[in-house]
């Protein structure tokens, strides 16, 4: 118990509360500033500004479109929040926000944006944020990922009511279960759009929410909805391996979804979460792919990478090296068959197939070579 309390206190001390942001309408943005429009579905109650949302839970979903401005001359993966008056040349900002009156208006907007894309880019990308996020911080992170990874398609942000405060982990967990119906309904709506396929990216506790919603769709025999989903990418999933196995067993019976799980044994947030539960690992901090070898999925180990995140809980979205690797690829593809045991630029890649699971271990090439030379570790196959 003492270890659990210490882990929780450490998490609170190192983590910062997610920032509270406001909409700043600019008459004209500088030419060098990028603009990333994002369609939004929120289960949060609106604030005094009806286009933004707080931590309180709402009884109904709200729909909108928000444009995030992204400053030039910044390191990929980094977000600089404004303190005081936003400067679009230096900060991420809310440059535009609009509410949409209901599902049909939202669907019409979604289809119009899809129709503006080339046929091979008509993908709907849905992001489900994690624990300790405000509406704004999760939206900024998604906009950063769409921009830096050059992800094709139309972005849709599902904002569930996290408290945006590391002290309220239990509140966030309750919100996950309250939000299952809302996300399932959003996926049903998304399946009606004129997208070729749907991709879901979920971070941290958002992985639990995503899998619970997919399981509910499976239990309801909504196979048509599930068939539209091509890939589910789970980044640092805060999820028990046993729970994940039970969820995937049900979901897998009704779908051909490709699951990719990004893990790191250096994730301090998941280490604390595991200690609080009396466990060794969470899904996002797996030490051995053998734990999920009976499941059809791809596990990508990014433990060797450093980021500006002191918790190492957002490695994929914040590492410039990983962003460079995945930028422009479809569905976070790393082409394992062509590059098994090879090196892509400054990165080394090792691929192992363990029963149904595929394990991909990524590392900076110099670091991997040093580890192998210094420890006598096995060379990548």
Foldseek 3Di string as FASTA:
>chain_A
DVVLVVLLVVVQVQDDQADDADADADPDADPQKDKAKAKEKEQFDADVPNQFGAQHGHPDIWIWMWIKIAAPDDFQQDADDDDPDDDSNHHIHGHDIDTADDLVRSLVVQQVVLVVDDQVQAEEEEEQEAALYGPVVSVVLVSSLCVLQVRGHHYYYYHFRHNSHSVPPVSVLVSLVVCLVVVLVVLVSVLPHPGQAYEYEYAACSVVSVLSNLLVCLVVVVLSSQARHAEYEYALYLAALVVVVVSCVSNVVRHDHEYEYEAALQQSVQCSSQVNVVHRGHSRNDPDCVSVLVDQYEYEYPHQFDFPRPRCRCRCNGGSVNSVQNRPPHPSDNPCVVAALHADVQKGWAWDRRRNYIYIYIHGNVVVVVCCVVPVDDRGD
